[in-house]
Amino acid sequence: MKRIMFLAMLLCMTFTVFAQDNAKDNVYGFSLPDKNGKEVSLSTYKGKVLLIVNTATGCGFTPQYKQLEAIYTKYKDQGFEILDIPCDQFGHQAPGTDEEITKFCTKKYHTDFPQFKKSEVNGTNALPLYTWLKTKKGVTGTYKAGMAKIMEKLYNKVNTEPRAKDDIQWNFTKFLINRKGEVLARFEPTDDMKIVEAAVAEAVEAK
């Protein structure tokens, strides 16, 4: 009996380690809270190309919603999804409730892709998904000195923890995920959206 219990425990431990290792290799071991706070496993999106974006409704980059919706419309029938995660850590540029944010986006930009609960992407309370994403792809570009200084000032007004080396720098940072759940690329909000779309197209076409 003891031997059977030992083998069962060993099997359980092995499965747990495997699951943890698997989570480190792809996004499917993570989840995101929807607007009602219910956790949605990213395994729901297995086999699809994903673009994960932290967004804001009152940012200079907010018009990117229009371009994101255009990319989504073009590729959604080919197994592509955009996961929209509003975040208010950057200059308080995502005010309002989740319902108000959704209403703004659907009315002004006619967005049709999944929008999740407003969450943090940096610091102690960052979504585990984002902690993992940042280890896979660090900051990919530099910002003009003047812009970087303003961004840092606005960020520090909202957050008590300073940004770490590869933390999200601002709203509309994007992570591209392939059909295996692996991180392909990270795009800063200043990157040309044509480059983003080209990368999405290549990922969608890849088998």
N, C-alpha and C. Protein backbone atom coordinates (compact mmCIF):
# COMPACT_ATOMS: atom_id res chain seq x y z
N MET A 1 0.84 -1.21 0.00
CA MET A 1 0.00 0.00 0.00
C MET A 1 0.87 1.26 0.00
N LYS A 2 1.92 1.22 0.85
CA LYS A 2 2.81 2.37 0.94
C LYS A 2 3.53 2.59 -0.39
N ARG A 3 3.87 1.46 -1.03
CA ARG A 3 4.56 1.55 -2.33
C ARG A 3 3.66 2.21 -3.38
N ILE A 4 2.38 1.83 -3.37
CA ILE A 4 1.43 2.40 -4.32
C ILE A 4 1.27 3.90 -4.07
N MET A 5 1.17 4.29 -2.78
CA MET A 5 1.04 5.70 -2.43
C MET A 5 2.28 6.48 -2.85
N PHE A 6 3.45 5.86 -2.67
CA PHE A 6 4.71 6.52 -3.05
C PHE A 6 4.77 6.74 -4.55
N LEU A 7 4.37 5.70 -5.32
CA LEU A 7 4.38 5.81 -6.78
C LEU A 7 3.40 6.86 -7.27
N ALA A 8 2.24 6.92 -6.61
CA ALA A 8 1.23 7.93 -6.99
C ALA A 8 1.75 9.33 -6.72
N MET A 9 2.42 9.50 -5.57
CA MET A 9 2.98 10.81 -5.22
C MET A 9 4.08 11.20 -6.20
N LEU A 10 4.91 10.23 -6.56
CA LEU A 10 6.00 10.48 -7.51
C LEU A 10 5.45 10.89 -8.86
N LEU A 11 4.38 10.20 -9.29
CA LEU A 11 3.75 10.52 -10.57
C LEU A 11 3.17 11.92 -10.56
N CYS A 12 2.55 12.28 -9.44
CA CYS A 12 1.96 13.62 -9.29
C CYS A 12 3.03 14.69 -9.35
N MET A 13 4.16 14.45 -8.67
CA MET A 13 5.26 15.41 -8.65
C MET A 13 5.86 15.57 -10.04
N THR A 14 5.97 14.45 -10.75
CA THR A 14 6.53 14.49 -12.10
C THR A 14 5.64 15.30 -13.02
N PHE A 15 4.33 15.08 -12.90
CA PHE A 15 3.37 15.82 -13.73
C PHE A 15 3.44 17.31 -13.43
N THR A 16 3.57 17.66 -12.14
CA THR A 16 3.64 19.07 -11.73
C THR A 16 4.87 19.74 -12.30
N VAL A 17 6.01 19.06 -12.21
CA VAL A 17 7.25 19.62 -12.76
C VAL A 17 7.14 19.80 -14.27
N PHE A 18 6.53 18.78 -14.93
CA PHE A 18 6.34 18.87 -16.38
C PHE A 18 5.47 20.07 -16.75
N ALA A 19 4.40 20.27 -16.00
CA ALA A 19 3.47 21.39 -16.26
C ALA A 19 4.18 22.72 -16.06
N GLN A 20 5.01 22.81 -15.02
CA GLN A 20 5.74 24.05 -14.75
C GLN A 20 6.74 24.32 -15.86
N ASP A 21 7.45 23.27 -16.29
CA ASP A 21 8.42 23.45 -17.37
C ASP A 21 7.72 23.84 -18.65
N ASN A 22 6.56 23.24 -18.90
CA ASN A 22 5.80 23.56 -20.09
C ASN A 22 5.36 25.01 -20.08
N ALA A 23 4.98 25.50 -18.91
CA ALA A 23 4.55 26.90 -18.79
C ALA A 23 5.69 27.85 -19.10
N LYS A 24 6.93 27.42 -18.85
CA LYS A 24 8.08 28.26 -19.13
C LYS A 24 8.39 28.33 -20.61
N ASP A 25 7.92 27.33 -21.37
CA ASP A 25 8.21 27.26 -22.79
C ASP A 25 7.16 27.92 -23.66
N ASN A 26 5.93 28.05 -23.17
CA ASN A 26 4.88 28.65 -23.99
C ASN A 26 3.84 29.35 -23.10
N VAL A 27 2.94 30.06 -23.75
CA VAL A 27 1.96 30.87 -23.01
C VAL A 27 0.82 30.06 -22.41
N TYR A 28 0.73 28.78 -22.79
CA TYR A 28 -0.46 28.01 -22.43
C TYR A 28 -0.57 27.66 -20.95
N GLY A 29 0.51 27.87 -20.21
CA GLY A 29 0.43 27.64 -18.77
C GLY A 29 -0.06 28.84 -17.99
N PHE A 30 -0.42 29.91 -18.70
CA PHE A 30 -0.85 31.14 -18.06
C PHE A 30 -2.34 31.41 -18.33
N SER A 31 -2.88 32.34 -17.57
CA SER A 31 -4.27 32.74 -17.77
C SER A 31 -4.38 34.25 -17.63
N LEU A 32 -5.50 34.79 -18.06
CA LEU A 32 -5.79 36.22 -17.93
C LEU A 32 -7.18 36.39 -17.35
N PRO A 33 -7.37 37.39 -16.48
CA PRO A 33 -8.71 37.64 -15.96
C PRO A 33 -9.56 38.38 -16.99
N ASP A 34 -10.77 37.89 -17.22
CA ASP A 34 -11.66 38.64 -18.11
C ASP A 34 -12.26 39.82 -17.35
N LYS A 35 -13.15 40.55 -18.00
CA LYS A 35 -13.69 41.77 -17.38
C LYS A 35 -14.52 41.51 -16.13
N ASN A 36 -14.91 40.26 -15.93
CA ASN A 36 -15.64 39.89 -14.71
C ASN A 36 -14.74 39.26 -13.66
N GLY A 37 -13.44 39.20 -13.97
CA GLY A 37 -12.49 38.64 -13.02
C GLY A 37 -12.31 37.14 -13.14
N LYS A 38 -13.01 36.52 -14.09
CA LYS A 38 -12.87 35.06 -14.28
C LYS A 38 -11.61 34.77 -15.07
N GLU A 39 -10.82 33.80 -14.59
CA GLU A 39 -9.57 33.46 -15.25
C GLU A 39 -9.82 32.69 -16.54
N VAL A 40 -9.20 33.15 -17.61
CA VAL A 40 -9.31 32.51 -18.92
C VAL A 40 -7.95 31.90 -19.26
N SER A 41 -7.89 30.59 -19.38
CA SER A 41 -6.63 29.93 -19.71
C SER A 41 -6.24 30.24 -21.15
N LEU A 42 -4.96 30.55 -21.34
CA LEU A 42 -4.51 30.85 -22.69
C LEU A 42 -4.40 29.58 -23.54
N SER A 43 -4.59 28.43 -22.91
CA SER A 43 -4.66 27.19 -23.69
C SER A 43 -5.88 27.21 -24.61
N THR A 44 -6.83 28.11 -24.30
CA THR A 44 -8.00 28.32 -25.16
C THR A 44 -7.58 28.70 -26.57
N TYR A 45 -6.40 29.34 -26.66
CA TYR A 45 -5.94 29.87 -27.94
C TYR A 45 -4.87 28.99 -28.60
N LYS A 46 -4.77 27.74 -28.16
CA LYS A 46 -3.77 26.84 -28.74
C LYS A 46 -3.94 26.76 -30.26
N GLY A 47 -2.80 26.83 -30.95
CA GLY A 47 -2.82 26.71 -32.40
C GLY A 47 -3.04 28.03 -33.12
N LYS A 48 -3.25 29.10 -32.35
CA LYS A 48 -3.47 30.41 -32.97
C LYS A 48 -2.24 31.31 -32.80
N VAL A 49 -2.11 32.26 -33.71
CA VAL A 49 -1.09 33.31 -33.59
C VAL A 49 -1.71 34.41 -32.72
N LEU A 50 -0.96 34.89 -31.73
CA LEU A 50 -1.48 35.89 -30.81
C LEU A 50 -0.64 37.16 -30.83
N LEU A 51 -1.30 38.28 -30.66
CA LEU A 51 -0.62 39.55 -30.43
C LEU A 51 -1.15 40.07 -29.10
N ILE A 52 -0.29 40.09 -28.09
CA ILE A 52 -0.69 40.51 -26.74
C ILE A 52 -0.27 41.97 -26.55
N VAL A 53 -1.24 42.82 -26.22
CA VAL A 53 -0.99 44.26 -26.19
C VAL A 53 -1.51 44.88 -24.90
N ASN A 54 -0.68 45.68 -24.22
CA ASN A 54 -1.17 46.48 -23.09
C ASN A 54 -1.61 47.83 -23.64
N THR A 55 -2.84 48.20 -23.36
CA THR A 55 -3.44 49.35 -24.02
C THR A 55 -3.88 50.44 -23.05
N ALA A 56 -4.27 51.57 -23.61
CA ALA A 56 -4.79 52.69 -22.83
C ALA A 56 -5.68 53.54 -23.73
N THR A 57 -6.67 54.17 -23.14
CA THR A 57 -7.65 54.94 -23.93
C THR A 57 -7.30 56.42 -24.07
N GLY A 58 -6.36 56.90 -23.26
CA GLY A 58 -6.05 58.33 -23.30
C GLY A 58 -4.59 58.60 -23.57
N CYS A 59 -4.01 57.81 -24.44
CA CYS A 59 -2.58 57.88 -24.74
C CYS A 59 -2.36 58.41 -26.15
N GLY A 60 -1.16 58.94 -26.40
CA GLY A 60 -0.82 59.39 -27.74
C GLY A 60 -0.80 58.25 -28.73
N PHE A 61 -0.63 57.02 -28.22
CA PHE A 61 -0.61 55.84 -29.09
C PHE A 61 -1.99 55.18 -29.23
N THR A 62 -3.00 55.73 -28.56
CA THR A 62 -4.34 55.13 -28.60
C THR A 62 -4.88 54.94 -30.02
N PRO A 63 -4.59 55.83 -30.98
CA PRO A 63 -5.06 55.61 -32.35
C PRO A 63 -4.57 54.31 -32.98
N GLN A 64 -3.58 53.66 -32.37
CA GLN A 64 -3.14 52.36 -32.87
C GLN A 64 -4.27 51.33 -32.80
N TYR A 65 -5.28 51.60 -31.98
CA TYR A 65 -6.44 50.71 -31.93
C TYR A 65 -7.02 50.51 -33.34
N LYS A 66 -7.04 51.58 -34.11
CA LYS A 66 -7.60 51.50 -35.47
C LYS A 66 -6.78 50.54 -36.32
N GLN A 67 -5.46 50.65 -36.23
CA GLN A 67 -4.58 49.78 -37.01
C GLN A 67 -4.64 48.33 -36.51
N LEU A 68 -4.75 48.18 -35.20
CA LEU A 68 -4.86 46.83 -34.64
C LEU A 68 -6.14 46.15 -35.12
N GLU A 69 -7.23 46.90 -35.13
CA GLU A 69 -8.50 46.34 -35.59
C GLU A 69 -8.42 45.96 -37.07
N ALA A 70 -7.71 46.76 -37.86
CA ALA A 70 -7.55 46.45 -39.28
C ALA A 70 -6.77 45.15 -39.47
N ILE A 71 -5.71 44.97 -38.69
CA ILE A 71 -4.92 43.75 -38.76
C ILE A 71 -5.76 42.56 -38.31
N TYR A 72 -6.52 42.76 -37.25
CA TYR A 72 -7.37 41.69 -36.73
C TYR A 72 -8.40 41.25 -37.77
N THR A 73 -9.05 42.20 -38.38
CA THR A 73 -10.06 41.91 -39.39
C THR A 73 -9.47 41.13 -40.56
N LYS A 74 -8.24 41.49 -40.91
CA LYS A 74 -7.58 40.88 -42.07
C LYS A 74 -7.16 39.43 -41.81
N TYR A 75 -6.77 39.12 -40.57
CA TYR A 75 -6.16 37.81 -40.31
C TYR A 75 -6.94 36.90 -39.33
N LYS A 76 -8.02 37.39 -38.76
CA LYS A 76 -8.71 36.60 -37.73
C LYS A 76 -9.24 35.28 -38.25
N ASP A 77 -9.63 35.23 -39.52
CA ASP A 77 -10.15 33.99 -40.09
C ASP A 77 -9.04 33.01 -40.44
N GLN A 78 -7.79 33.44 -40.25
CA GLN A 78 -6.64 32.56 -40.51
C GLN A 78 -5.99 32.10 -39.21
N GLY A 79 -6.73 32.25 -38.10
CA GLY A 79 -6.20 31.78 -36.82
C GLY A 79 -5.37 32.81 -36.10
N PHE A 80 -5.84 34.03 -36.07
CA PHE A 80 -5.11 35.12 -35.41
C PHE A 80 -6.00 35.80 -34.39
N GLU A 81 -5.44 36.09 -33.21
CA GLU A 81 -6.19 36.80 -32.17
C GLU A 81 -5.33 37.91 -31.56
N ILE A 82 -5.97 38.99 -31.21
CA ILE A 82 -5.33 40.05 -30.43
C ILE A 82 -5.91 39.99 -29.02
N LEU A 83 -5.04 39.96 -28.02
CA LEU A 83 -5.48 39.96 -26.63
C LEU A 83 -5.18 41.33 -26.05
N ASP A 84 -6.22 42.08 -25.77
CA ASP A 84 -6.14 43.47 -25.32
C ASP A 84 -6.20 43.53 -23.80
N ILE A 85 -5.12 44.05 -23.19
CA ILE A 85 -5.05 44.16 -21.74
C ILE A 85 -4.86 45.62 -21.34
N PRO A 86 -5.95 46.32 -21.01
CA PRO A 86 -5.81 47.71 -20.57
C PRO A 86 -4.93 47.80 -19.33
N CYS A 87 -4.14 48.87 -19.26
CA CYS A 87 -3.24 49.06 -18.12
C CYS A 87 -3.15 50.54 -17.79
N ASP A 88 -3.25 50.86 -16.50
CA ASP A 88 -3.28 52.27 -16.07
C ASP A 88 -1.97 52.69 -15.40
N GLN A 89 -0.89 51.93 -15.62
CA GLN A 89 0.38 52.22 -14.96
C GLN A 89 1.18 53.34 -15.63
N PHE A 90 0.77 53.73 -16.81
CA PHE A 90 1.57 54.67 -17.59
C PHE A 90 0.86 56.02 -17.71
N GLY A 91 1.11 56.87 -16.73
CA GLY A 91 0.54 58.21 -16.74
C GLY A 91 -0.95 58.26 -16.50
N HIS A 92 -1.53 57.22 -15.87
CA HIS A 92 -2.98 57.14 -15.65
C HIS A 92 -3.74 57.39 -16.95
N GLN A 93 -3.29 56.74 -18.02
CA GLN A 93 -3.90 56.97 -19.33
C GLN A 93 -4.96 55.93 -19.69
N ALA A 94 -5.31 55.10 -18.71
CA ALA A 94 -6.41 54.15 -18.92
C ALA A 94 -7.40 54.28 -17.76
N PRO A 95 -8.01 55.45 -17.63
CA PRO A 95 -8.97 55.67 -16.54
C PRO A 95 -10.28 54.95 -16.83
N GLY A 96 -11.13 54.92 -15.84
CA GLY A 96 -12.46 54.34 -16.06
C GLY A 96 -12.52 52.86 -15.74
N THR A 97 -13.73 52.35 -15.73
CA THR A 97 -13.96 50.94 -15.45
C THR A 97 -13.70 50.12 -16.71
N ASP A 98 -13.67 48.80 -16.54
CA ASP A 98 -13.49 47.92 -17.70
C ASP A 98 -14.64 48.11 -18.70
N GLU A 99 -15.83 48.29 -18.17
CA GLU A 99 -17.00 48.50 -19.04
C GLU A 99 -16.86 49.80 -19.83
N GLU A 100 -16.39 50.86 -19.18
CA GLU A 100 -16.21 52.15 -19.86
C GLU A 100 -15.13 52.06 -20.92
N ILE A 101 -14.07 51.33 -20.62
CA ILE A 101 -12.98 51.16 -21.59
C ILE A 101 -13.48 50.42 -22.82
N THR A 102 -14.22 49.36 -22.61
CA THR A 102 -14.77 48.58 -23.72
C THR A 102 -15.71 49.44 -24.57
N LYS A 103 -16.55 50.20 -23.91
CA LYS A 103 -17.49 51.07 -24.62
C LYS A 103 -16.75 52.08 -25.49
N PHE A 104 -15.69 52.67 -24.94
CA PHE A 104 -14.89 53.64 -25.69
C PHE A 104 -14.28 53.00 -26.93
N CYS A 105 -13.67 51.82 -26.75
CA CYS A 105 -12.96 51.16 -27.84
C CYS A 105 -13.90 50.69 -28.95
N THR A 106 -15.04 50.15 -28.56
CA THR A 106 -15.98 49.65 -29.57
C THR A 106 -16.68 50.78 -30.31
N LYS A 107 -16.93 51.86 -29.60
CA LYS A 107 -17.62 52.99 -30.23
C LYS A 107 -16.69 53.80 -31.13
N LYS A 108 -15.49 54.10 -30.64
CA LYS A 108 -14.57 54.97 -31.38
C LYS A 108 -13.75 54.23 -32.44
N TYR A 109 -13.33 52.99 -32.09
CA TYR A 109 -12.45 52.26 -33.00
C TYR A 109 -13.04 50.95 -33.52
N HIS A 110 -14.28 50.65 -33.10
CA HIS A 110 -15.00 49.46 -33.57
C HIS A 110 -14.21 48.17 -33.33
N THR A 111 -13.52 48.12 -32.21
CA THR A 111 -12.72 46.93 -31.91
C THR A 111 -13.60 45.71 -31.67
N ASP A 112 -13.09 44.57 -32.13
CA ASP A 112 -13.86 43.32 -32.04
C ASP A 112 -13.03 42.19 -31.43
N PHE A 113 -11.80 42.50 -31.02
CA PHE A 113 -10.95 41.46 -30.45
C PHE A 113 -11.12 41.41 -28.93
N PRO A 114 -10.74 40.28 -28.30
CA PRO A 114 -10.97 40.09 -26.87
C PRO A 114 -10.27 41.14 -26.01
N GLN A 115 -11.03 41.70 -25.08
CA GLN A 115 -10.47 42.68 -24.14
C GLN A 115 -10.60 42.11 -22.73
N PHE A 116 -9.48 42.12 -22.01
CA PHE A 116 -9.45 41.53 -20.68
C PHE A 116 -9.50 42.60 -19.59
N LYS A 117 -9.46 42.17 -18.36
CA LYS A 117 -9.57 43.07 -17.21
C LYS A 117 -8.35 43.99 -17.13
N LYS A 118 -8.58 45.24 -16.77
CA LYS A 118 -7.48 46.18 -16.59
C LYS A 118 -6.52 45.63 -15.54
N SER A 119 -5.24 45.56 -15.88
CA SER A 119 -4.27 44.89 -15.02
C SER A 119 -2.93 45.61 -15.06
N GLU A 120 -2.04 45.21 -14.16
CA GLU A 120 -0.68 45.76 -14.14
C GLU A 120 0.27 44.83 -14.88
N VAL A 121 1.25 45.44 -15.53
CA VAL A 121 2.20 44.66 -16.33
C VAL A 121 3.64 44.79 -15.83
N ASN A 122 3.87 45.69 -14.90
CA ASN A 122 5.18 45.87 -14.26
C ASN A 122 5.03 45.79 -12.75
N GLY A 123 6.13 45.50 -12.07
CA GLY A 123 6.13 45.56 -10.61
C GLY A 123 5.62 44.31 -9.93
N THR A 124 5.47 44.41 -8.62
CA THR A 124 5.08 43.28 -7.78
C THR A 124 3.74 42.68 -8.18
N ASN A 125 2.80 43.53 -8.60
CA ASN A 125 1.45 43.06 -8.93
C ASN A 125 1.25 42.77 -10.42
N ALA A 126 2.34 42.68 -11.15
CA ALA A 126 2.23 42.40 -12.59
C ALA A 126 1.63 41.03 -12.84
N LEU A 127 0.88 40.93 -13.92
CA LEU A 127 0.35 39.63 -14.32
C LEU A 127 1.50 38.65 -14.51
N PRO A 128 1.38 37.42 -14.00
CA PRO A 128 2.44 36.42 -14.21
C PRO A 128 2.81 36.25 -15.69
N LEU A 129 1.81 36.37 -16.56
CA LEU A 129 2.07 36.28 -17.99
C LEU A 129 3.10 37.31 -18.41
N TYR A 130 2.94 38.54 -17.93
CA TYR A 130 3.86 39.60 -18.33
C TYR A 130 5.26 39.43 -17.72
N THR A 131 5.31 38.91 -16.52
CA THR A 131 6.61 38.62 -15.92
C THR A 131 7.38 37.65 -16.81
N TRP A 132 6.66 36.66 -17.33
CA TRP A 132 7.26 35.65 -18.22
C TRP A 132 7.61 36.25 -19.58
N LEU A 133 6.69 37.00 -20.16
CA LEU A 133 6.93 37.59 -21.48
C LEU A 133 8.20 38.43 -21.50
N LYS A 134 8.40 39.19 -20.43
CA LYS A 134 9.56 40.09 -20.38
C LYS A 134 10.88 39.34 -20.26
N THR A 135 10.84 38.11 -19.73
CA THR A 135 12.06 37.31 -19.68
C THR A 135 12.37 36.73 -21.05
N LYS A 136 11.35 36.58 -21.88
CA LYS A 136 11.55 36.01 -23.21
C LYS A 136 12.02 37.05 -24.22
N LYS A 137 11.51 38.27 -24.11
CA LYS A 137 11.91 39.33 -25.03
C LYS A 137 12.04 40.64 -24.25
N GLY A 138 13.26 41.15 -24.20
CA GLY A 138 13.50 42.40 -23.51
C GLY A 138 13.16 43.60 -24.38
N VAL A 139 13.43 44.79 -23.88
CA VAL A 139 13.17 46.02 -24.63
C VAL A 139 13.92 45.95 -25.96
N THR A 140 13.22 46.24 -27.04
CA THR A 140 13.81 46.04 -28.37
C THR A 140 14.32 47.31 -29.03
N GLY A 141 14.04 48.47 -28.45
CA GLY A 141 14.48 49.70 -29.08
C GLY A 141 14.73 50.79 -28.07
N THR A 142 15.11 51.93 -28.55
CA THR A 142 15.36 53.07 -27.67
C THR A 142 14.38 54.18 -28.01
N TYR A 143 14.12 55.02 -27.03
CA TYR A 143 13.24 56.16 -27.23
C TYR A 143 14.08 57.43 -27.28
N LYS A 144 13.60 58.42 -28.00
CA LYS A 144 14.31 59.70 -28.04
C LYS A 144 14.47 60.22 -26.62
N ALA A 145 15.61 60.88 -26.37
CA ALA A 145 15.95 61.31 -25.01
C ALA A 145 14.84 62.12 -24.36
N GLY A 146 14.25 63.06 -25.11
CA GLY A 146 13.18 63.88 -24.55
C GLY A 146 11.96 63.07 -24.20
N MET A 147 11.58 62.17 -25.09
CA MET A 147 10.42 61.31 -24.85
C MET A 147 10.67 60.38 -23.66
N ALA A 148 11.86 59.80 -23.60
CA ALA A 148 12.20 58.88 -22.51
C ALA A 148 12.12 59.57 -21.15
N LYS A 149 12.56 60.82 -21.09
CA LYS A 149 12.55 61.58 -19.84
C LYS A 149 11.12 61.87 -19.39
N ILE A 150 10.26 62.24 -20.33
CA ILE A 150 8.86 62.51 -20.01
C ILE A 150 8.16 61.23 -19.57
N MET A 151 8.43 60.15 -20.28
CA MET A 151 7.82 58.85 -19.94
C MET A 151 8.22 58.41 -18.53
N GLU A 152 9.48 58.60 -18.21
CA GLU A 152 9.97 58.20 -16.90
C GLU A 152 9.30 59.01 -15.80
N LYS A 153 9.16 60.31 -16.03
CA LYS A 153 8.52 61.19 -15.05
C LYS A 153 7.06 60.80 -14.83
N LEU A 154 6.34 60.56 -15.92
CA LEU A 154 4.93 60.19 -15.82
C LEU A 154 4.78 58.82 -15.16
N TYR A 155 5.68 57.91 -15.47
CA TYR A 155 5.61 56.57 -14.88
C TYR A 155 5.83 56.63 -13.38
N ASN A 156 6.81 57.41 -12.95
CA ASN A 156 7.15 57.49 -11.53
C ASN A 156 6.08 58.20 -10.70
N LYS A 157 5.23 58.99 -11.36
CA LYS A 157 4.13 59.64 -10.65
C LYS A 157 3.06 58.64 -10.26
N VAL A 158 2.96 57.58 -11.01
CA VAL A 158 1.91 56.58 -10.81
C VAL A 158 2.40 55.38 -10.01
N ASN A 159 3.67 55.03 -10.16
CA ASN A 159 4.20 53.80 -9.57
C ASN A 159 5.29 54.07 -8.54
N THR A 160 5.26 53.32 -7.45
CA THR A 160 6.28 53.47 -6.41
C THR A 160 7.52 52.64 -6.72
N GLU A 161 7.36 51.62 -7.54
CA GLU A 161 8.49 50.78 -7.92
C GLU A 161 9.08 51.27 -9.24
N PRO A 162 10.38 51.52 -9.29
CA PRO A 162 10.99 51.93 -10.56
C PRO A 162 10.96 50.79 -11.56
N ARG A 163 10.98 51.13 -12.83
CA ARG A 163 10.97 50.09 -13.86
C ARG A 163 12.29 49.33 -13.87
N ALA A 164 12.18 48.02 -14.06
CA ALA A 164 13.36 47.18 -14.22
C ALA A 164 13.83 47.26 -15.67
N LYS A 165 14.99 46.70 -15.95
CA LYS A 165 15.65 46.81 -17.25
C LYS A 165 14.74 46.49 -18.44
N ASP A 166 14.05 45.37 -18.39
CA ASP A 166 13.23 44.95 -19.53
C ASP A 166 11.74 45.10 -19.29
N ASP A 167 11.36 45.94 -18.32
CA ASP A 167 9.95 46.20 -18.07
C ASP A 167 9.28 46.84 -19.28
N ILE A 168 7.96 46.77 -19.28
CA ILE A 168 7.18 47.46 -20.31
C ILE A 168 7.43 48.96 -20.16
N GLN A 169 7.76 49.60 -21.27
CA GLN A 169 8.11 51.02 -21.22
C GLN A 169 6.89 51.94 -21.31
N TRP A 170 5.89 51.49 -22.10
CA TRP A 170 4.71 52.35 -22.25
C TRP A 170 3.55 51.56 -22.82
N ASN A 171 2.40 52.25 -22.94
CA ASN A 171 1.21 51.64 -23.53
C ASN A 171 1.48 51.18 -24.96
N PHE A 172 0.79 50.12 -25.36
CA PHE A 172 0.83 49.58 -26.71
C PHE A 172 2.15 48.90 -27.07
N THR A 173 2.80 48.33 -26.05
CA THR A 173 3.89 47.39 -26.31
C THR A 173 3.24 46.08 -26.74
N LYS A 174 3.84 45.39 -27.70
CA LYS A 174 3.19 44.22 -28.29
C LYS A 174 4.12 43.01 -28.27
N PHE A 175 3.55 41.84 -27.94
CA PHE A 175 4.28 40.58 -28.00
C PHE A 175 3.59 39.68 -29.02
N LEU A 176 4.36 39.17 -29.97
CA LEU A 176 3.82 38.28 -30.99
C LEU A 176 4.14 36.83 -30.61
N ILE A 177 3.10 36.00 -30.60
CA ILE A 177 3.19 34.61 -30.18
C ILE A 177 2.86 33.70 -31.37
N ASN A 178 3.69 32.67 -31.60
CA ASN A 178 3.40 31.77 -32.73
C ASN A 178 2.38 30.70 -32.36
N ARG A 179 2.10 29.81 -33.28
CA ARG A 179 1.05 28.81 -33.08
C ARG A 179 1.43 27.75 -32.04
N LYS A 180 2.69 27.73 -31.64
CA LYS A 180 3.14 26.81 -30.60
C LYS A 180 3.14 27.47 -29.22
N GLY A 181 2.71 28.73 -29.18
CA GLY A 181 2.67 29.45 -27.91
C GLY A 181 3.99 30.07 -27.52
N GLU A 182 4.94 30.14 -28.46
CA GLU A 182 6.27 30.69 -28.19
C GLU A 182 6.33 32.17 -28.56
N VAL A 183 7.13 32.93 -27.84
CA VAL A 183 7.27 34.36 -28.11
C VAL A 183 8.18 34.57 -29.31
N LEU A 184 7.65 35.17 -30.36
CA LEU A 184 8.42 35.43 -31.57
C LEU A 184 9.11 36.79 -31.54
N ALA A 185 8.38 37.81 -31.07
CA ALA A 185 8.91 39.17 -31.16
C ALA A 185 8.24 40.09 -30.15
N ARG A 186 8.93 41.15 -29.85
CA ARG A 186 8.38 42.23 -29.02
C ARG A 186 8.50 43.53 -29.82
N PHE A 187 7.44 44.30 -29.81
CA PHE A 187 7.43 45.58 -30.53
C PHE A 187 7.16 46.71 -29.54
N GLU A 188 7.98 47.73 -29.58
CA GLU A 188 7.73 48.91 -28.75
C GLU A 188 6.61 49.73 -29.39
N PRO A 189 5.94 50.58 -28.63
CA PRO A 189 4.81 51.35 -29.19
C PRO A 189 5.21 52.30 -30.31
N THR A 190 6.50 52.65 -30.37
CA THR A 190 6.98 53.55 -31.42
C THR A 190 7.31 52.81 -32.71
N ASP A 191 7.30 51.47 -32.69
CA ASP A 191 7.58 50.70 -33.91
C ASP A 191 6.47 50.90 -34.93
N ASP A 192 6.86 50.99 -36.19
CA ASP A 192 5.90 51.18 -37.27
C ASP A 192 4.92 50.00 -37.31
N MET A 193 3.64 50.31 -37.38
CA MET A 193 2.63 49.26 -37.39
C MET A 193 2.70 48.40 -38.66
N LYS A 194 3.32 48.92 -39.71
CA LYS A 194 3.49 48.12 -40.93
C LYS A 194 4.45 46.96 -40.65
N ILE A 195 5.44 47.20 -39.79
CA ILE A 195 6.38 46.16 -39.40
C ILE A 195 5.66 45.10 -38.57
N VAL A 196 4.79 45.57 -37.68
CA VAL A 196 4.00 44.66 -36.85
C VAL A 196 3.13 43.77 -37.74
N GLU A 197 2.44 44.39 -38.68
CA GLU A 197 1.56 43.62 -39.56
C GLU A 197 2.33 42.61 -40.40
N ALA A 198 3.50 43.00 -40.88
CA ALA A 198 4.31 42.08 -41.68
C ALA A 198 4.72 40.85 -40.85
N ALA A 199 5.05 41.08 -39.60
CA ALA A 199 5.42 39.97 -38.71
C ALA A 199 4.23 39.07 -38.43
N VAL A 200 3.06 39.67 -38.25
CA VAL A 200 1.83 38.90 -38.03
C VAL A 200 1.54 38.04 -39.26
N ALA A 201 1.64 38.64 -40.44
CA ALA A 201 1.37 37.91 -41.69
C ALA A 201 2.30 36.71 -41.83
N GLU A 202 3.57 36.92 -41.52
CA GLU A 202 4.55 35.82 -41.63
C GLU A 202 4.22 34.70 -40.63
N ALA A 203 3.84 35.09 -39.42
CA ALA A 203 3.51 34.09 -38.38
C ALA A 203 2.26 33.31 -38.75
N VAL A 204 1.28 33.99 -39.34
CA VAL A 204 0.03 33.34 -39.73
C VAL A 204 0.29 32.34 -40.85
N GLU A 205 1.18 32.69 -41.76
CA GLU A 205 1.45 31.83 -42.90
C GLU A 205 2.34 30.63 -42.54
N ALA A 206 3.10 30.76 -41.47
CA ALA A 206 4.01 29.68 -41.06
C ALA A 206 3.22 28.47 -40.57
N LYS A 207 3.70 27.30 -40.88
CA LYS A 207 3.04 26.06 -40.47
C LYS A 207 3.84 25.37 -39.37
